[in-house]
Amino acid sequence: MYTSSQEKSQRHQGRGALLLLALCLLLVACESAPVQPRASARGASCPSTSRLQGAGSTFDAPLFAQMFTAYEQTPCGLAVTYLGGGSAAGMNALLDQSVDFAATDVPLTDAAEARSTHGSILHIPITLGTEAIIYQVPSVPSLLKLTGPVLADIFLGKITTWNDPAITALNPGHALPGLPTAVVRRASSPITSR
């Protein structure tokens, strides 16, 4: 079946709005004060909360920008503001209660969650992302074949040169140089504890 990109975009926006609605309802349900319903323009009973503030993952920020814009147009839509300052900043803001929700690239550790003074924190998966492996090997004109186990061994420091037998076996016909592999990693963990 053929679906236009506009139809796919509308379908994804609708799903995103429903997911955000569920998240907002969970957040409102967790408030300590009783919630007084308000009526929407279409007569639906809506939570009294009309604004949410979030912070955290910069990876999620573009998705949230689209979801929150679409959600604000729904009958009980809330104004949602999101600051993508990084996972650690978002989680610290949530634990300090300066935001209503936070997004993070990884779930909170037990030690970090123990800092919550208002009970347990609900983790809701929102989106998935992929990682791209980028490499630069001089004198190799085409793409190299690398398997999951070989990549793992490079990142674990078990494979330290580009002409390692495991890599050359996957790439017959290429004269791979004996240059060292150099793994570049993120400078800090997405979640830090104070």
C-alpha atoms as a PDB file:
ATOM      1  CA  MET A   1       0.000   0.000   0.000  1.00  0.00           C
ATOM      2  CA  TYR A   2       1.362   3.430  -0.909  1.00  0.00           C
ATOM      3  CA  THR A   3       1.102   6.179   1.691  1.00  0.00           C
ATOM      4  CA  SER A   4       2.168   9.727   0.930  1.00  0.00           C
ATOM      5  CA  SER A   5       4.751  11.388   3.139  1.00  0.00           C
ATOM      6  CA  GLN A   6       2.136  13.943   4.181  1.00  0.00           C
ATOM      7  CA  GLU A   7      -0.216  11.161   5.329  1.00  0.00           C
ATOM      8  CA  LYS A   8       2.638   9.491   7.219  1.00  0.00           C
ATOM      9  CA  SER A   9       3.557  12.805   8.836  1.00  0.00           C
ATOM     10  CA  GLN A  10      -0.054  13.408   9.903  1.00  0.00           C
ATOM     11  CA  ARG A  11      -0.308   9.854  11.263  1.00  0.00           C
ATOM     12  CA  HIS A  12       2.947  10.298  13.246  1.00  0.00           C
ATOM     13  CA  GLN A  13       1.773  13.671  14.589  1.00  0.00           C
ATOM     14  CA  GLY A  14      -1.496  12.093  15.695  1.00  0.00           C
ATOM     15  CA  ARG A  15       0.307   9.252  17.460  1.00  0.00           C
ATOM     16  CA  GLY A  16       2.702  11.716  19.039  1.00  0.00           C
ATOM     17  CA  ALA A  17      -0.174  13.836  20.295  1.00  0.00           C
ATOM     18  CA  LEU A  18      -1.876  10.767  21.809  1.00  0.00           C
ATOM     19  CA  LEU A  19       1.363   9.701  23.484  1.00  0.00           C
ATOM     20  CA  LEU A  20       1.855  13.193  24.877  1.00  0.00           C
ATOM     21  CA  LEU A  21      -1.750  13.249  26.073  1.00  0.00           C
ATOM     22  CA  ALA A  22      -1.133  10.005  27.962  1.00  0.00           C
ATOM     23  CA  LEU A  23       2.055  11.451  29.469  1.00  0.00           C
ATOM     24  CA  CYS A  24       0.286  14.652  30.510  1.00  0.00           C
ATOM     25  CA  LEU A  25      -2.585  12.746  32.074  1.00  0.00           C
ATOM     26  CA  LEU A  26      -0.109  10.635  34.045  1.00  0.00           C
ATOM     27  CA  LEU A  27       1.694  13.757  35.220  1.00  0.00           C
ATOM     28  CA  VAL A  28      -1.550  15.415  36.231  1.00  0.00           C
ATOM     29  CA  ALA A  29      -2.696  12.254  38.002  1.00  0.00           C
ATOM     30  CA  CYS A  30       0.506  12.322  40.067  1.00  0.00           C
ATOM     31  CA  GLU A  31      -0.089  15.848  41.401  1.00  0.00           C
ATOM     32  CA  SER A  32      -0.449  16.036  45.172  1.00  0.00           C
ATOM     33  CA  ALA A  33      -3.326  18.571  45.054  1.00  0.00           C
ATOM     34  CA  PRO A  34      -6.747  17.547  43.762  1.00  0.00           C
ATOM     35  CA  VAL A  35      -7.279  18.390  40.107  1.00  0.00           C
ATOM     36  CA  GLN A  36     -10.362  20.344  39.152  1.00  0.00           C
ATOM     37  CA  PRO A  37     -11.518  19.563  35.626  1.00  0.00           C
ATOM     38  CA  ARG A  38     -12.024  22.352  33.106  1.00  0.00           C
ATOM     39  CA  ALA A  39     -14.146  22.237  29.977  1.00  0.00           C
ATOM     40  CA  SER A  40     -12.624  22.444  26.539  1.00  0.00           C
ATOM     41  CA  ALA A  41     -14.090  24.442  23.679  1.00  0.00           C
ATOM     42  CA  ARG A  42     -15.656  21.204  22.462  1.00  0.00           C
ATOM     43  CA  GLY A  43     -17.183  20.344  25.829  1.00  0.00           C
ATOM     44  CA  ALA A  44     -14.668  17.670  26.861  1.00  0.00           C
ATOM     45  CA  SER A  45     -13.664  17.505  30.515  1.00  0.00           C
ATOM     46  CA  CYS A  46     -10.010  18.512  30.759  1.00  0.00           C
ATOM     47  CA  PRO A  47      -7.479  18.590  33.613  1.00  0.00           C
ATOM     48  CA  SER A  48      -7.056  22.008  35.244  1.00  0.00           C
ATOM     49  CA  THR A  49      -3.375  22.041  34.357  1.00  0.00           C
ATOM     50  CA  SER A  50      -2.872  24.227  31.318  1.00  0.00           C
ATOM     51  CA  ARG A  51       0.929  24.418  31.057  1.00  0.00           C
ATOM     52  CA  LEU A  52       3.820  21.964  31.448  1.00  0.00           C
ATOM     53  CA  GLN A  53       7.543  22.669  31.501  1.00  0.00           C
ATOM     54  CA  GLY A  54      10.079  20.032  30.510  1.00  0.00           C
ATOM     55  CA  ALA A  55      13.809  19.807  29.997  1.00  0.00           C
ATOM     56  CA  GLY A  56      16.469  17.316  29.035  1.00  0.00           C
ATOM     57  CA  SER A  57      17.652  15.377  26.023  1.00  0.00           C
ATOM     58  CA  THR A  58      18.652  17.420  22.996  1.00  0.00           C
ATOM     59  CA  PHE A  59      18.075  14.308  20.858  1.00  0.00           C
ATOM     60  CA  ASP A  60      14.349  14.416  21.692  1.00  0.00           C
ATOM     61  CA  ALA A  61      13.956  18.191  21.274  1.00  0.00           C
ATOM     62  CA  PRO A  62      13.034  18.220  17.532  1.00  0.00           C
ATOM     63  CA  LEU A  63      10.426  15.491  18.048  1.00  0.00           C
ATOM     64  CA  PHE A  64       8.981  17.288  21.063  1.00  0.00           C
ATOM     65  CA  ALA A  65       8.762  20.569  19.146  1.00  0.00           C
ATOM     66  CA  GLN A  66       6.452  18.913  16.596  1.00  0.00           C
ATOM     67  CA  MET A  67       4.495  16.864  19.150  1.00  0.00           C
ATOM     68  CA  PHE A  68       3.842  19.766  21.504  1.00  0.00           C
ATOM     69  CA  THR A  69       2.746  22.054  18.677  1.00  0.00           C
ATOM     70  CA  ALA A  70       0.257  19.424  17.509  1.00  0.00           C
ATOM     71  CA  TYR A  71      -0.883  18.645  21.046  1.00  0.00           C
ATOM     72  CA  GLU A  72      -1.692  22.268  21.817  1.00  0.00           C
ATOM     73  CA  GLN A  73      -4.268  22.124  18.987  1.00  0.00           C
ATOM     74  CA  THR A  74      -6.203  19.197  20.554  1.00  0.00           C
ATOM     75  CA  PRO A  75      -9.383  19.807  22.595  1.00  0.00           C
ATOM     76  CA  CYS A  76      -7.619  19.633  25.989  1.00  0.00           C
ATOM     77  CA  GLY A  77      -4.260  20.703  24.622  1.00  0.00           C
ATOM     78  CA  LEU A  78      -1.744  22.142  27.012  1.00  0.00           C
ATOM     79  CA  ALA A  79       0.994  24.638  26.350  1.00  0.00           C
ATOM     80  CA  VAL A  80       4.180  22.617  26.737  1.00  0.00           C
ATOM     81  CA  THR A  81       7.599  24.245  26.862  1.00  0.00           C
ATOM     82  CA  TYR A  82      10.706  22.097  26.517  1.00  0.00           C
ATOM     83  CA  LEU A  83      14.330  23.131  26.985  1.00  0.00           C
ATOM     84  CA  GLY A  84      16.811  20.668  25.491  1.00  0.00           C
ATOM     85  CA  GLY A  85      19.847  21.372  27.661  1.00  0.00           C
ATOM     86  CA  GLY A  86      20.977  17.744  27.911  1.00  0.00           C
ATOM     87  CA  SER A  87      19.852  14.627  29.746  1.00  0.00           C
ATOM     88  CA  ALA A  88      21.750  15.351  32.965  1.00  0.00           C
ATOM     89  CA  ALA A  89      20.384  18.895  33.215  1.00  0.00           C
ATOM     90  CA  GLY A  90      16.848  17.666  32.585  1.00  0.00           C
ATOM     91  CA  MET A  91      16.989  14.893  35.145  1.00  0.00           C
ATOM     92  CA  ASN A  92      18.518  17.202  37.763  1.00  0.00           C
ATOM     93  CA  ALA A  93      15.767  19.752  37.063  1.00  0.00           C
ATOM     94  CA  LEU A  94      13.132  17.033  37.486  1.00  0.00           C
ATOM     95  CA  LEU A  95      14.657  15.857  40.745  1.00  0.00           C
ATOM     96  CA  ASP A  96      14.877  19.472  41.935  1.00  0.00           C
ATOM     97  CA  GLN A  97      11.219  19.911  40.850  1.00  0.00           C
ATOM     98  CA  SER A  98      11.907  22.914  38.657  1.00  0.00           C
ATOM     99  CA  VAL A  99      10.258  21.117  35.697  1.00  0.00           C
ATOM    100  CA  ASP A 100       7.227  18.854  35.341  1.00  0.00           C
ATOM    101  CA  PHE A 101       8.915  16.213  33.194  1.00  0.00           C
ATOM    102  CA  ALA A 102      12.307  15.422  31.743  1.00  0.00           C
ATOM    103  CA  ALA A 103      13.687  13.432  28.837  1.00  0.00           C
ATOM    104  CA  THR A 104      16.870  11.441  29.032  1.00  0.00           C
ATOM    105  CA  ASP A 105      18.866   9.228  26.719  1.00  0.00           C
ATOM    106  CA  VAL A 106      19.059   6.507  29.390  1.00  0.00           C
ATOM    107  CA  PRO A 107      16.835   5.643  32.357  1.00  0.00           C
ATOM    108  CA  LEU A 108      17.712   7.006  35.769  1.00  0.00           C
ATOM    109  CA  THR A 109      19.997   4.883  37.894  1.00  0.00           C
ATOM    110  CA  ASP A 110      18.652   3.623  41.215  1.00  0.00           C
ATOM    111  CA  ALA A 111      21.022   6.034  43.009  1.00  0.00           C
ATOM    112  CA  ALA A 112      19.755   9.016  40.993  1.00  0.00           C
ATOM    113  CA  GLU A 113      16.112   8.025  41.440  1.00  0.00           C
ATOM    114  CA  ALA A 114      16.670   7.726  45.198  1.00  0.00           C
ATOM    115  CA  ARG A 115      17.158  11.520  45.186  1.00  0.00           C
ATOM    116  CA  SER A 116      13.460  11.967  44.386  1.00  0.00           C
ATOM    117  CA  THR A 117      11.699  13.377  47.430  1.00  0.00           C
ATOM    118  CA  HIS A 118       8.215  12.868  45.949  1.00  0.00           C
ATOM    119  CA  GLY A 119       8.122   9.150  45.294  1.00  0.00           C
ATOM    120  CA  SER A 120       9.163   7.047  42.352  1.00  0.00           C
ATOM    121  CA  ILE A 121       9.635   8.445  38.881  1.00  0.00           C
ATOM    122  CA  LEU A 122       7.705   6.958  35.987  1.00  0.00           C
ATOM    123  CA  HIS A 123       9.883   6.146  32.949  1.00  0.00           C
ATOM    124  CA  ILE A 124       8.006   6.238  29.630  1.00  0.00           C
ATOM    125  CA  PRO A 125       9.840   5.320  26.395  1.00  0.00           C
ATOM    126  CA  ILE A 126       9.169   8.086  23.878  1.00  0.00           C
ATOM    127  CA  THR A 127      11.466   7.580  20.915  1.00  0.00           C
ATOM    128  CA  LEU A 128      14.310   5.429  19.653  1.00  0.00           C
ATOM    129  CA  GLY A 129      17.400   6.547  17.846  1.00  0.00           C
ATOM    130  CA  THR A 130      20.295   4.920  16.124  1.00  0.00           C
ATOM    131  CA  GLU A 131      23.995   5.474  16.345  1.00  0.00           C
ATOM    132  CA  ALA A 132      26.155   5.951  13.283  1.00  0.00           C
ATOM    133  CA  ILE A 133      29.632   4.523  13.181  1.00  0.00           C
ATOM    134  CA  ILE A 134      31.946   6.844  11.284  1.00  0.00           C
ATOM    135  CA  TYR A 135      35.504   6.042  10.369  1.00  0.00           C
ATOM    136  CA  GLN A 136      38.271   7.415   8.226  1.00  0.00           C
ATOM    137  CA  VAL A 137      40.889   5.035   6.864  1.00  0.00           C
ATOM    138  CA  PRO A 138      43.322   6.568   4.375  1.00  0.00           C
ATOM    139  CA  SER A 139      43.882   4.657   1.116  1.00  0.00           C
ATOM    140  CA  VAL A 140      40.673   2.617   1.421  1.00  0.00           C
ATOM    141  CA  PRO A 141      38.441   3.835  -1.436  1.00  0.00           C
ATOM    142  CA  SER A 142      35.207   2.014  -0.647  1.00  0.00           C
ATOM    143  CA  LEU A 143      33.116   1.239   2.406  1.00  0.00           C
ATOM    144  CA  LEU A 144      34.506  -1.299   4.809  1.00  0.00           C
ATOM    145  CA  LYS A 145      32.420  -4.201   6.018  1.00  0.00           C
ATOM    146  CA  LEU A 146      32.276  -4.330   9.800  1.00  0.00           C
ATOM    147  CA  THR A 147      30.144  -6.697  11.862  1.00  0.00           C
ATOM    148  CA  GLY A 148      28.649  -6.111  15.287  1.00  0.00           C
ATOM    149  CA  PRO A 149      31.229  -8.317  17.038  1.00  0.00           C
ATOM    150  CA  VAL A 150      34.116  -6.561  15.218  1.00  0.00           C
ATOM    151  CA  LEU A 151      32.748  -3.126  16.140  1.00  0.00           C
ATOM    152  CA  ALA A 152      32.341  -4.260  19.748  1.00  0.00           C
ATOM    153  CA  ASP A 153      35.952  -5.446  19.805  1.00  0.00           C
ATOM    154  CA  ILE A 154      37.118  -2.097  18.407  1.00  0.00           C
ATOM    155  CA  PHE A 155      35.200  -0.219  21.113  1.00  0.00           C
ATOM    156  CA  LEU A 156      36.441  -2.632  23.792  1.00  0.00           C
ATOM    157  CA  GLY A 157      40.055  -2.135  22.697  1.00  0.00           C
ATOM    158  CA  LYS A 158      40.533  -5.748  21.566  1.00  0.00           C
ATOM    159  CA  ILE A 159      41.057  -4.682  17.939  1.00  0.00           C
ATOM    160  CA  THR A 160      43.608  -1.876  17.838  1.00  0.00           C
ATOM    161  CA  THR A 161      44.689  -1.617  14.167  1.00  0.00           C
ATOM    162  CA  TRP A 162      42.838  -1.433  10.867  1.00  0.00           C
ATOM    163  CA  ASN A 163      44.748  -4.407   9.451  1.00  0.00           C
ATOM    164  CA  ASP A 164      43.617  -6.692  12.279  1.00  0.00           C
ATOM    165  CA  PRO A 165      42.806 -10.187  10.912  1.00  0.00           C
ATOM    166  CA  ALA A 166      39.146  -9.842  11.914  1.00  0.00           C
ATOM    167  CA  ILE A 167      38.756  -6.718   9.744  1.00  0.00           C
ATOM    168  CA  THR A 168      40.839  -7.977   6.810  1.00  0.00           C
ATOM    169  CA  ALA A 169      38.826 -11.226   6.714  1.00  0.00           C
ATOM    170  CA  LEU A 170      35.646  -9.175   6.196  1.00  0.00           C
ATOM    171  CA  ASN A 171      37.255  -7.037   3.480  1.00  0.00           C
ATOM    172  CA  PRO A 172      39.184  -9.234   1.047  1.00  0.00           C
ATOM    173  CA  GLY A 173      40.913  -7.346  -1.735  1.00  0.00           C
ATOM    174  CA  HIS A 174      41.599  -4.264   0.370  1.00  0.00           C
ATOM    175  CA  ALA A 175      45.114  -3.558   1.572  1.00  0.00           C
ATOM    176  CA  LEU A 176      44.271  -2.170   4.996  1.00  0.00           C
ATOM    177  CA  PRO A 177      46.925  -0.049   6.684  1.00  0.00           C
ATOM    178  CA  GLY A 178      48.397  -0.883  10.064  1.00  0.00           C
ATOM    179  CA  LEU A 179      47.139   2.391  11.455  1.00  0.00           C
ATOM    180  CA  PRO A 180      45.695   2.383  14.966  1.00  0.00           C
ATOM    181  CA  THR A 181      41.959   2.527  15.483  1.00  0.00           C
ATOM    182  CA  ALA A 182      41.016   5.507  17.617  1.00  0.00           C
ATOM    183  CA  VAL A 183      37.647   5.447  19.341  1.00  0.00           C
ATOM    184  CA  VAL A 184      36.053   8.800  20.084  1.00  0.00           C
ATOM    185  CA  ARG A 185      33.524   8.710  22.892  1.00  0.00           C
ATOM    186  CA  ARG A 186      31.144  11.163  24.471  1.00  0.00           C
ATOM    187  CA  ALA A 187      32.997  13.304  27.014  1.00  0.00           C
ATOM    188  CA  SER A 188      30.391  12.927  29.773  1.00  0.00           C
ATOM    189  CA  SER A 189      27.678  10.540  30.787  1.00  0.00           C
ATOM    190  CA  PRO A 190      24.140  11.663  29.906  1.00  0.00           C
ATOM    191  CA  ILE A 191      23.142  11.164  33.553  1.00  0.00           C
ATOM    192  CA  THR A 192      25.210  12.477  36.406  1.00  0.00           C
ATOM    193  CA  SER A 193      24.618  12.385  40.094  1.00  0.00           C
ATOM    194  CA  ARG A 194      25.275  15.287  42.406  1.00  0.00           C
END
